[in-house]
């Protein structure tokens, strides 16, 4: 007896289409930047500003026309292109304000307004339209307004963490973001924003504490104890959320802090010589193996 032909299973193209839309927004904004740069003398600043403004206004108008009613819960996008048109409008707005300051110096010496105004607009946009990507832009602008470059690529390379004020700013801002995440979750006001707040807060808080540990030697042990306490908090958070990402970041930060403290005690406190070098090699070999075993076991526990 012949077997009936099996119908091919459906294959979702959701993420492929979303990736293409996201890449399209990035390519469009990048292409416009290159076009303006190469033709600035022939196009004119006013024409460029008018075009950027129209692009931003048109994007926001489309999103206002198609958005679902506001809710403190998670709101679903009305269509596939909605989130990316909103992202295009927000990037256009940031570009417009930056261009105004760069070309016409409309804010004078009040440079903080260049980041503060976009920050307020981006936070409002993120909550009103329910957009995680724009929330990330808003948090980045908040950090820039506070004097910190807070993207993953620039957090370590474009900040002078020898400044006590900058170290304190990073720690306070990290705590503030974590509190904002807890508030969002506890009050159920865009509770899904919690992870984004926690992610930025985690990195800022750990990096700020690291800078304090290395910069302020008299309170090094105190800061080290604070890092371990923070690590324990995020370890519990990782278990509660079943998030291997938070567990991984927390473990790596704590491992670096413990290793730095071991090396400090070995070479500065105990005054170890060549034997200390061999001990340090042994420490890194054994601790790296234990670290990998710990992460593998914890990953299994989180999945189960």
C-alpha atoms as a PDB file:
ATOM      1  CA  UNK A   1       0.000   0.000   0.000  1.00  0.00           C
ATOM      2  CA  UNK A   2       1.444   3.337  -1.016  1.00  0.00           C
ATOM      3  CA  UNK A   3       2.317   5.782   1.716  1.00  0.00           C
ATOM      4  CA  UNK A   4       0.588   9.176   1.412  1.00  0.00           C
ATOM      5  CA  UNK A   5       2.845  12.019   0.458  1.00  0.00           C
ATOM      6  CA  UNK A   6       3.848  14.155   3.431  1.00  0.00           C
ATOM      7  CA  UNK A   7       3.185  17.866   3.206  1.00  0.00           C
ATOM      8  CA  UNK A   8       6.358  19.932   3.600  1.00  0.00           C
ATOM      9  CA  UNK A   9       6.487  21.731   6.922  1.00  0.00           C
ATOM     10  CA  UNK A  10       6.166  25.505   6.937  1.00  0.00           C
ATOM     11  CA  UNK A  11       9.329  27.519   7.449  1.00  0.00           C
ATOM     12  CA  UNK A  12       9.148  30.880   9.188  1.00  0.00           C
ATOM     13  CA  UNK A  13      10.995  33.791   7.570  1.00  0.00           C
ATOM     14  CA  UNK A  14      10.275  36.143  10.467  1.00  0.00           C
ATOM     15  CA  UNK A  15      13.834  36.625  11.682  1.00  0.00           C
ATOM     16  CA  UNK A  16      15.278  36.753   8.171  1.00  0.00           C
ATOM     17  CA  UNK A  17      12.862  39.535   7.232  1.00  0.00           C
ATOM     18  CA  UNK A  18      13.495  41.419  10.490  1.00  0.00           C
ATOM     19  CA  UNK A  19      17.247  41.172   9.930  1.00  0.00           C
ATOM     20  CA  UNK A  20      16.841  42.524   6.395  1.00  0.00           C
ATOM     21  CA  UNK A  21      14.714  45.419   7.646  1.00  0.00           C
ATOM     22  CA  UNK A  22      17.205  46.265  10.379  1.00  0.00           C
ATOM     23  CA  UNK A  23      20.097  46.100   7.908  1.00  0.00           C
ATOM     24  CA  UNK A  24      18.065  48.271   5.529  1.00  0.00           C
ATOM     25  CA  UNK A  25      17.657  51.002   8.160  1.00  0.00           C
ATOM     26  CA  UNK A  26      21.383  50.931   8.961  1.00  0.00           C
ATOM     27  CA  UNK A  27      22.338  50.975   5.274  1.00  0.00           C
ATOM     28  CA  UNK A  28      19.925  53.835   4.569  1.00  0.00           C
ATOM     29  CA  UNK A  29      21.212  56.022   7.409  1.00  0.00           C
ATOM     30  CA  UNK A  30      24.839  55.184   6.541  1.00  0.00           C
ATOM     31  CA  UNK A  31      24.249  55.884   2.839  1.00  0.00           C
ATOM     32  CA  UNK A  32      22.644  59.216   3.624  1.00  0.00           C
ATOM     33  CA  UNK A  33      25.642  60.133   5.760  1.00  0.00           C
ATOM     34  CA  UNK A  34      28.073  59.278   2.962  1.00  0.00           C
ATOM     35  CA  UNK A  35      25.936  61.161   0.419  1.00  0.00           C
ATOM     36  CA  UNK A  36      25.855  64.264   2.596  1.00  0.00           C
ATOM     37  CA  UNK A  37      29.601  64.074   3.283  1.00  0.00           C
ATOM     38  CA  UNK A  38      30.521  63.833  -0.395  1.00  0.00           C
ATOM     39  CA  UNK A  39      28.053  66.446  -1.662  1.00  0.00           C
ATOM     40  CA  UNK A  40      27.892  68.920   1.201  1.00  0.00           C
ATOM     41  CA  UNK A  41      29.066  71.840  -0.963  1.00  0.00           C
ATOM     42  CA  UNK A  42      26.487  71.291  -3.702  1.00  0.00           C
ATOM     43  CA  UNK A  43      23.490  70.224  -1.616  1.00  0.00           C
ATOM     44  CA  UNK A  44      23.641  72.884   1.099  1.00  0.00           C
ATOM     45  CA  UNK A  45      23.165  72.581   4.857  1.00  0.00           C
ATOM     46  CA  UNK A  46      19.594  73.856   4.895  1.00  0.00           C
ATOM     47  CA  UNK A  47      18.468  71.347   2.273  1.00  0.00           C
ATOM     48  CA  UNK A  48      20.114  68.541   4.217  1.00  0.00           C
ATOM     49  CA  UNK A  49      18.453  69.624   7.477  1.00  0.00           C
ATOM     50  CA  UNK A  50      15.082  69.867   5.731  1.00  0.00           C
ATOM     51  CA  UNK A  51      15.441  66.375   4.297  1.00  0.00           C
ATOM     52  CA  UNK A  52      16.466  64.854   7.653  1.00  0.00           C
ATOM     53  CA  UNK A  53      13.581  66.643   9.390  1.00  0.00           C
ATOM     54  CA  UNK A  54      11.056  65.432   6.800  1.00  0.00           C
ATOM     55  CA  UNK A  55      12.393  61.879   7.087  1.00  0.00           C
ATOM     56  CA  UNK A  56      12.019  61.943  10.874  1.00  0.00           C
ATOM     57  CA  UNK A  57       8.594  63.596  10.843  1.00  0.00           C
ATOM     58  CA  UNK A  58       7.336  61.204   8.177  1.00  0.00           C
ATOM     59  CA  UNK A  59       8.540  58.191  10.175  1.00  0.00           C
ATOM     60  CA  UNK A  60       6.922  59.399  13.403  1.00  0.00           C
ATOM     61  CA  UNK A  61       3.697  60.263  11.573  1.00  0.00           C
ATOM     62  CA  UNK A  62       3.489  56.757  10.125  1.00  0.00           C
ATOM     63  CA  UNK A  63       4.052  55.189  13.540  1.00  0.00           C
ATOM     64  CA  UNK A  64       1.505  57.461  15.246  1.00  0.00           C
ATOM     65  CA  UNK A  65      -1.057  56.584  12.605  1.00  0.00           C
ATOM     66  CA  UNK A  66      -0.562  52.815  12.913  1.00  0.00           C
ATOM     67  CA  UNK A  67       0.298  52.340  16.611  1.00  0.00           C
ATOM     68  CA  UNK A  68      -1.870  50.331  18.944  1.00  0.00           C
ATOM     69  CA  UNK A  69      -3.379  52.042  22.046  1.00  0.00           C
ATOM     70  CA  UNK A  70      -0.872  52.735  24.795  1.00  0.00           C
ATOM     71  CA  UNK A  71      -0.576  50.120  27.507  1.00  0.00           C
ATOM     72  CA  UNK A  72       1.812  49.503  30.369  1.00  0.00           C
ATOM     73  CA  UNK A  73       1.984  45.889  29.225  1.00  0.00           C
ATOM     74  CA  UNK A  74       4.007  44.703  26.255  1.00  0.00           C
ATOM     75  CA  UNK A  75       2.440  46.027  23.025  1.00  0.00           C
ATOM     76  CA  UNK A  76       2.667  44.042  19.818  1.00  0.00           C
ATOM     77  CA  UNK A  77       3.852  45.809  16.654  1.00  0.00           C
ATOM     78  CA  UNK A  78       1.014  46.394  14.149  1.00  0.00           C
ATOM     79  CA  UNK A  79       3.186  45.187  11.258  1.00  0.00           C
ATOM     80  CA  UNK A  80       6.682  43.973  10.426  1.00  0.00           C
ATOM     81  CA  UNK A  81       8.051  47.334   9.224  1.00  0.00           C
ATOM     82  CA  UNK A  82       6.659  49.402  12.115  1.00  0.00           C
ATOM     83  CA  UNK A  83       9.601  48.975  14.546  1.00  0.00           C
ATOM     84  CA  UNK A  84      12.179  49.785  11.884  1.00  0.00           C
ATOM     85  CA  UNK A  85      10.381  52.887  10.615  1.00  0.00           C
ATOM     86  CA  UNK A  86      10.249  54.089  14.223  1.00  0.00           C
ATOM     87  CA  UNK A  87      13.973  53.356  14.584  1.00  0.00           C
ATOM     88  CA  UNK A  88      14.638  55.327  11.382  1.00  0.00           C
ATOM     89  CA  UNK A  89      12.656  58.270  12.741  1.00  0.00           C
ATOM     90  CA  UNK A  90      14.571  58.237  16.044  1.00  0.00           C
ATOM     91  CA  UNK A  91      17.960  58.066  14.313  1.00  0.00           C
ATOM     92  CA  UNK A  92      16.888  60.924  12.033  1.00  0.00           C
ATOM     93  CA  UNK A  93      15.901  62.987  15.074  1.00  0.00           C
ATOM     94  CA  UNK A  94      19.278  62.419  16.743  1.00  0.00           C
ATOM     95  CA  UNK A  95      21.075  63.295  13.508  1.00  0.00           C
ATOM     96  CA  UNK A  96      18.983  66.460  13.089  1.00  0.00           C
ATOM     97  CA  UNK A  97      19.765  67.787  16.573  1.00  0.00           C
ATOM     98  CA  UNK A  98      23.454  66.900  16.265  1.00  0.00           C
ATOM     99  CA  UNK A  99      23.653  68.547  12.850  1.00  0.00           C
ATOM    100  CA  UNK A 100      22.019  71.733  14.167  1.00  0.00           C
ATOM    101  CA  UNK A 101      24.600  71.998  16.943  1.00  0.00           C
ATOM    102  CA  UNK A 102      27.554  71.115  14.707  1.00  0.00           C
ATOM    103  CA  UNK A 103      26.694  73.498  11.884  1.00  0.00           C
ATOM    104  CA  UNK A 104      24.831  76.351  13.579  1.00  0.00           C
ATOM    105  CA  UNK A 105      25.796  75.990  17.260  1.00  0.00           C
ATOM    106  CA  UNK A 106      22.175  76.553  18.288  1.00  0.00           C
ATOM    107  CA  UNK A 107      22.822  75.441  21.880  1.00  0.00           C
ATOM    108  CA  UNK A 108      25.956  77.511  22.288  1.00  0.00           C
ATOM    109  CA  UNK A 109      28.257  76.202  25.004  1.00  0.00           C
ATOM    110  CA  UNK A 110      25.435  74.218  26.635  1.00  0.00           C
ATOM    111  CA  UNK A 111      26.704  70.961  25.156  1.00  0.00           C
ATOM    112  CA  UNK A 112      24.706  68.867  27.631  1.00  0.00           C
ATOM    113  CA  UNK A 113      21.501  69.866  25.833  1.00  0.00           C
ATOM    114  CA  UNK A 114      22.738  68.084  22.688  1.00  0.00           C
ATOM    115  CA  UNK A 115      22.415  64.751  24.525  1.00  0.00           C
ATOM    116  CA  UNK A 116      19.733  65.700  27.076  1.00  0.00           C
ATOM    117  CA  UNK A 117      17.034  66.663  24.554  1.00  0.00           C
ATOM    118  CA  UNK A 118      17.425  63.476  22.436  1.00  0.00           C
ATOM    119  CA  UNK A 119      17.537  61.447  25.670  1.00  0.00           C
ATOM    120  CA  UNK A 120      14.148  62.781  26.814  1.00  0.00           C
ATOM    121  CA  UNK A 121      12.599  62.239  23.363  1.00  0.00           C
ATOM    122  CA  UNK A 122      14.039  58.725  23.105  1.00  0.00           C
ATOM    123  CA  UNK A 123      12.781  57.666  26.544  1.00  0.00           C
ATOM    124  CA  UNK A 124       9.309  59.007  25.699  1.00  0.00           C
ATOM    125  CA  UNK A 125       9.398  57.256  22.321  1.00  0.00           C
ATOM    126  CA  UNK A 126      10.558  53.954  23.839  1.00  0.00           C
ATOM    127  CA  UNK A 127       7.710  53.891  26.375  1.00  0.00           C
ATOM    128  CA  UNK A 128       4.974  55.381  24.202  1.00  0.00           C
ATOM    129  CA  UNK A 129       5.666  53.150  21.211  1.00  0.00           C
ATOM    130  CA  UNK A 130       7.101  50.211  23.202  1.00  0.00           C
ATOM    131  CA  UNK A 131      10.483  49.788  21.499  1.00  0.00           C
ATOM    132  CA  UNK A 132      13.433  48.032  23.166  1.00  0.00           C
ATOM    133  CA  UNK A 133      15.963  49.221  20.591  1.00  0.00           C
ATOM    134  CA  UNK A 134      15.082  52.859  21.190  1.00  0.00           C
ATOM    135  CA  UNK A 135      15.236  52.253  24.945  1.00  0.00           C
ATOM    136  CA  UNK A 136      18.866  51.166  24.415  1.00  0.00           C
ATOM    137  CA  UNK A 137      19.499  54.394  22.478  1.00  0.00           C
ATOM    138  CA  UNK A 138      17.915  56.380  25.315  1.00  0.00           C
ATOM    139  CA  UNK A 139      20.098  54.707  27.963  1.00  0.00           C
ATOM    140  CA  UNK A 140      23.180  55.341  25.812  1.00  0.00           C
ATOM    141  CA  UNK A 141      22.214  59.019  25.580  1.00  0.00           C
ATOM    142  CA  UNK A 142      21.668  59.104  29.350  1.00  0.00           C
ATOM    143  CA  UNK A 143      25.187  57.787  29.871  1.00  0.00           C
ATOM    144  CA  UNK A 144      26.569  60.264  27.313  1.00  0.00           C
ATOM    145  CA  UNK A 145      24.781  63.105  29.111  1.00  0.00           C
ATOM    146  CA  UNK A 146      26.438  61.894  32.331  1.00  0.00           C
ATOM    147  CA  UNK A 147      29.815  61.866  30.543  1.00  0.00           C
ATOM    148  CA  UNK A 148      30.194  58.140  29.879  1.00  0.00           C
ATOM    149  CA  UNK A 149      30.498  56.301  26.569  1.00  0.00           C
ATOM    150  CA  UNK A 150      28.269  53.322  27.324  1.00  0.00           C
ATOM    151  CA  UNK A 151      28.231  51.128  24.237  1.00  0.00           C
ATOM    152  CA  UNK A 152      29.922  47.708  24.565  1.00  0.00           C
ATOM    153  CA  UNK A 153      32.627  48.723  22.064  1.00  0.00           C
ATOM    154  CA  UNK A 154      33.520  51.994  23.819  1.00  0.00           C
ATOM    155  CA  UNK A 155      32.897  51.310  27.514  1.00  0.00           C
ATOM    156  CA  UNK A 156      36.543  50.333  28.147  1.00  0.00           C
ATOM    157  CA  UNK A 157      38.274  52.317  25.381  1.00  0.00           C
ATOM    158  CA  UNK A 158      36.712  55.796  25.411  1.00  0.00           C
ATOM    159  CA  UNK A 159      36.387  56.529  29.125  1.00  0.00           C
ATOM    160  CA  UNK A 160      39.007  57.990  31.448  1.00  0.00           C
ATOM    161  CA  UNK A 161      38.430  55.789  34.480  1.00  0.00           C
ATOM    162  CA  UNK A 162      41.301  57.440  36.320  1.00  0.00           C
ATOM    163  CA  UNK A 163      38.826  60.228  37.137  1.00  0.00           C
ATOM    164  CA  UNK A 164      37.155  59.786  40.488  1.00  0.00           C
ATOM    165  CA  UNK A 165      34.060  61.688  39.332  1.00  0.00           C
ATOM    166  CA  UNK A 166      33.671  59.443  36.275  1.00  0.00           C
ATOM    167  CA  UNK A 167      34.084  56.302  38.409  1.00  0.00           C
ATOM    168  CA  UNK A 168      31.429  57.503  40.850  1.00  0.00           C
ATOM    169  CA  UNK A 169      29.147  58.481  37.941  1.00  0.00           C
ATOM    170  CA  UNK A 170      29.444  55.004  36.407  1.00  0.00           C
ATOM    171  CA  UNK A 171      28.643  53.298  39.739  1.00  0.00           C
ATOM    172  CA  UNK A 172      25.679  55.571  40.521  1.00  0.00           C
ATOM    173  CA  UNK A 173      24.313  55.294  36.988  1.00  0.00           C
ATOM    174  CA  UNK A 174      24.669  51.500  37.069  1.00  0.00           C
ATOM    175  CA  UNK A 175      22.739  51.314  40.361  1.00  0.00           C
ATOM    176  CA  UNK A 176      20.100  53.702  38.986  1.00  0.00           C
ATOM    177  CA  UNK A 177      19.550  51.553  35.890  1.00  0.00           C
ATOM    178  CA  UNK A 178      19.227  48.387  37.982  1.00  0.00           C
ATOM    179  CA  UNK A 179      16.663  50.127  40.208  1.00  0.00           C
ATOM    180  CA  UNK A 180      14.750  51.285  37.126  1.00  0.00           C
ATOM    181  CA  UNK A 181      14.667  47.680  35.922  1.00  0.00           C
ATOM    182  CA  UNK A 182      13.384  46.437  39.288  1.00  0.00           C
ATOM    183  CA  UNK A 183      10.769  49.220  39.332  1.00  0.00           C
ATOM    184  CA  UNK A 184       9.578  48.293  35.833  1.00  0.00           C
ATOM    185  CA  UNK A 185       9.211  44.658  36.848  1.00  0.00           C
ATOM    186  CA  UNK A 186       7.627  45.216  40.268  1.00  0.00           C
ATOM    187  CA  UNK A 187       5.150  47.862  39.099  1.00  0.00           C
ATOM    188  CA  UNK A 188       4.510  46.051  35.812  1.00  0.00           C
ATOM    189  CA  UNK A 189       5.219  49.215  33.817  1.00  0.00           C
ATOM    190  CA  UNK A 190       6.769  47.854  30.635  1.00  0.00           C
ATOM    191  CA  UNK A 191       8.138  44.928  32.649  1.00  0.00           C
ATOM    192  CA  UNK A 192       9.932  43.588  29.569  1.00  0.00           C
ATOM    193  CA  UNK A 193      12.223  46.651  29.711  1.00  0.00           C
ATOM    194  CA  UNK A 194      13.730  45.168  32.885  1.00  0.00           C
ATOM    195  CA  UNK A 195      16.396  43.096  31.122  1.00  0.00           C
ATOM    196  CA  UNK A 196      17.660  46.044  29.042  1.00  0.00           C
ATOM    197  CA  UNK A 197      18.031  48.216  32.155  1.00  0.00           C
ATOM    198  CA  UNK A 198      19.711  45.351  34.018  1.00  0.00           C
ATOM    199  CA  UNK A 199      22.112  44.635  31.163  1.00  0.00           C
ATOM    200  CA  UNK A 200      23.422  48.221  30.971  1.00  0.00           C
ATOM    201  CA  UNK A 201      23.430  48.567  34.762  1.00  0.00           C
ATOM    202  CA  UNK A 202      25.399  45.346  35.229  1.00  0.00           C
ATOM    203  CA  UNK A 203      28.239  46.444  32.930  1.00  0.00           C
ATOM    204  CA  UNK A 204      28.414  50.030  34.227  1.00  0.00           C
ATOM    205  CA  UNK A 205      28.380  48.917  37.863  1.00  0.00           C
ATOM    206  CA  UNK A 206      31.076  46.261  37.469  1.00  0.00           C
ATOM    207  CA  UNK A 207      33.333  48.446  35.304  1.00  0.00           C
ATOM    208  CA  UNK A 208      32.964  51.368  37.721  1.00  0.00           C
ATOM    209  CA  UNK A 209      33.853  49.113  40.672  1.00  0.00           C
ATOM    210  CA  UNK A 210      36.838  47.685  38.787  1.00  0.00           C
ATOM    211  CA  UNK A 211      38.122  51.199  38.118  1.00  0.00           C
ATOM    212  CA  UNK A 212      37.675  52.085  41.802  1.00  0.00           C
ATOM    213  CA  UNK A 213      39.495  48.921  42.898  1.00  0.00           C
ATOM    214  CA  UNK A 214      42.513  49.673  40.708  1.00  0.00           C
ATOM    215  CA  UNK A 215      42.511  53.455  41.194  1.00  0.00           C
ATOM    216  CA  UNK A 216      41.892  53.775  44.941  1.00  0.00           C
ATOM    217  CA  UNK A 217      44.372  51.398  46.556  1.00  0.00           C
ATOM    218  CA  UNK A 218      43.555  52.257  50.226  1.00  0.00           C
ATOM    219  CA  UNK A 219      40.000  50.922  49.825  1.00  0.00           C
ATOM    220  CA  UNK A 220      40.857  48.122  47.412  1.00  0.00           C
ATOM    221  CA  UNK A 221      39.708  45.294  49.691  1.00  0.00           C
ATOM    222  CA  UNK A 222      36.471  47.139  50.455  1.00  0.00           C
ATOM    223  CA  UNK A 223      35.697  47.589  46.760  1.00  0.00           C
ATOM    224  CA  UNK A 224      36.645  43.949  46.104  1.00  0.00           C
ATOM    225  CA  UNK A 225      34.138  42.861  48.765  1.00  0.00           C
ATOM    226  CA  UNK A 226      31.527  45.074  47.088  1.00  0.00           C
ATOM    227  CA  UNK A 227      32.218  43.400  43.711  1.00  0.00           C
ATOM    228  CA  UNK A 228      31.721  39.950  45.248  1.00  0.00           C
ATOM    229  CA  UNK A 229      28.463  41.117  46.876  1.00  0.00           C
ATOM    230  CA  UNK A 230      27.269  42.545  43.545  1.00  0.00           C
ATOM    231  CA  UNK A 231      28.271  39.306  41.850  1.00  0.00           C
ATOM    232  CA  UNK A 232      26.226  37.298  44.347  1.00  0.00           C
ATOM    233  CA  UNK A 233      23.192  39.506  43.671  1.00  0.00           C
ATOM    234  CA  UNK A 234      23.473  38.989  39.923  1.00  0.00           C
ATOM    235  CA  UNK A 235      24.101  35.267  40.435  1.00  0.00           C
ATOM    236  CA  UNK A 236      20.738  35.043  42.198  1.00  0.00           C
ATOM    237  CA  UNK A 237      19.196  37.160  39.418  1.00  0.00           C
ATOM    238  CA  UNK A 238      20.588  34.813  36.767  1.00  0.00           C
ATOM    239  CA  UNK A 239      19.036  31.835  38.547  1.00  0.00           C
ATOM    240  CA  UNK A 240      15.703  33.616  38.945  1.00  0.00           C
ATOM    241  CA  UNK A 241      15.591  34.644  35.283  1.00  0.00           C
ATOM    242  CA  UNK A 242      17.249  31.422  34.086  1.00  0.00           C
ATOM    243  CA  UNK A 243      19.592  33.692  32.124  1.00  0.00           C
ATOM    244  CA  UNK A 244      22.929  32.192  31.151  1.00  0.00           C
ATOM    245  CA  UNK A 245      24.007  35.568  29.737  1.00  0.00           C
ATOM    246  CA  UNK A 246      23.751  37.302  33.130  1.00  0.00           C
ATOM    247  CA  UNK A 247      25.453  34.318  34.774  1.00  0.00           C
ATOM    248  CA  UNK A 248      28.282  34.390  32.215  1.00  0.00           C
ATOM    249  CA  UNK A 249      28.913  38.141  32.524  1.00  0.00           C
ATOM    250  CA  UNK A 250      28.749  38.021  36.317  1.00  0.00           C
ATOM    251  CA  UNK A 251      31.108  35.039  36.516  1.00  0.00           C
ATOM    252  CA  UNK A 252      33.655  36.632  34.180  1.00  0.00           C
ATOM    253  CA  UNK A 253      33.620  39.955  36.041  1.00  0.00           C
ATOM    254  CA  UNK A 254      34.020  38.218  39.414  1.00  0.00           C
ATOM    255  CA  UNK A 255      36.759  35.974  38.027  1.00  0.00           C
ATOM    256  CA  UNK A 256      38.721  39.020  36.826  1.00  0.00           C
ATOM    257  CA  UNK A 257      38.281  40.710  40.215  1.00  0.00           C
ATOM    258  CA  UNK A 258      39.395  37.608  42.140  1.00  0.00           C
ATOM    259  CA  UNK A 259      42.366  37.087  39.820  1.00  0.00           C
ATOM    260  CA  UNK A 260      43.437  40.712  40.176  1.00  0.00           C
ATOM    261  CA  UNK A 261      43.233  40.440  43.960  1.00  0.00           C
ATOM    262  CA  UNK A 262      45.213  37.178  43.982  1.00  0.00           C
ATOM    263  CA  UNK A 263      47.959  38.745  41.858  1.00  0.00           C
ATOM    264  CA  UNK A 264      48.009  41.855  44.051  1.00  0.00           C
ATOM    265  CA  UNK A 265      48.380  39.813  47.239  1.00  0.00           C
ATOM    266  CA  UNK A 266      50.969  37.552  45.641  1.00  0.00           C
ATOM    267  CA  UNK A 267      53.304  40.220  44.285  1.00  0.00           C
ATOM    268  CA  UNK A 268      52.594  43.290  46.429  1.00  0.00           C
ATOM    269  CA  UNK A 269      51.699  41.865  49.822  1.00  0.00           C
ATOM    270  CA  UNK A 270      53.710  38.635  49.907  1.00  0.00           C
ATOM    271  CA  UNK A 271      56.539  40.069  47.719  1.00  0.00           C
ATOM    272  CA  UNK A 272      56.800  36.897  45.655  1.00  0.00           C
ATOM    273  CA  UNK A 273      59.727  36.556  43.206  1.00  0.00           C
ATOM    274  CA  UNK A 274      60.195  34.023  40.389  1.00  0.00           C
ATOM    275  CA  UNK A 275      58.296  31.429  42.390  1.00  0.00           C
ATOM    276  CA  UNK A 276      55.333  33.769  42.393  1.00  0.00           C
ATOM    277  CA  UNK A 277      55.382  33.806  38.595  1.00  0.00           C
ATOM    278  CA  UNK A 278      55.105  29.999  38.513  1.00  0.00           C
ATOM    279  CA  UNK A 279      52.347  30.121  41.142  1.00  0.00           C
ATOM    280  CA  UNK A 280      50.459  32.644  39.040  1.00  0.00           C
ATOM    281  CA  UNK A 281      50.732  30.363  35.984  1.00  0.00           C
ATOM    282  CA  UNK A 282      49.402  27.453  38.011  1.00  0.00           C
ATOM    283  CA  UNK A 283      46.596  29.626  39.373  1.00  0.00           C
ATOM    284  CA  UNK A 284      45.391  30.690  35.919  1.00  0.00           C
ATOM    285  CA  UNK A 285      45.556  27.132  34.543  1.00  0.00           C
ATOM    286  CA  UNK A 286      43.633  25.564  37.435  1.00  0.00           C
ATOM    287  CA  UNK A 287      41.169  28.434  37.837  1.00  0.00           C
ATOM    288  CA  UNK A 288      40.388  28.544  34.098  1.00  0.00           C
ATOM    289  CA  UNK A 289      39.541  24.845  34.087  1.00  0.00           C
ATOM    290  CA  UNK A 290      37.366  25.240  37.190  1.00  0.00           C
ATOM    291  CA  UNK A 291      35.686  28.272  35.617  1.00  0.00           C
ATOM    292  CA  UNK A 292      34.724  26.323  32.495  1.00  0.00           C
ATOM    293  CA  UNK A 293      33.425  23.388  34.561  1.00  0.00           C
ATOM    294  CA  UNK A 294      31.369  25.772  36.712  1.00  0.00           C
ATOM    295  CA  UNK A 295      29.816  27.486  33.670  1.00  0.00           C
ATOM    296  CA  UNK A 296      28.965  24.165  32.009  1.00  0.00           C
ATOM    297  CA  UNK A 297      27.287  22.829  35.157  1.00  0.00           C
ATOM    298  CA  UNK A 298      25.401  26.051  35.782  1.00  0.00           C
ATOM    299  CA  UNK A 299      24.196  26.143  32.202  1.00  0.00           C
ATOM    300  CA  UNK A 300      22.758  22.640  32.640  1.00  0.00           C
ATOM    301  CA  UNK A 301      21.130  23.654  35.917  1.00  0.00           C
ATOM    302  CA  UNK A 302      19.541  26.731  34.352  1.00  0.00           C
ATOM    303  CA  UNK A 303      18.152  24.699  31.470  1.00  0.00           C
ATOM    304  CA  UNK A 304      16.697  22.086  33.799  1.00  0.00           C
END
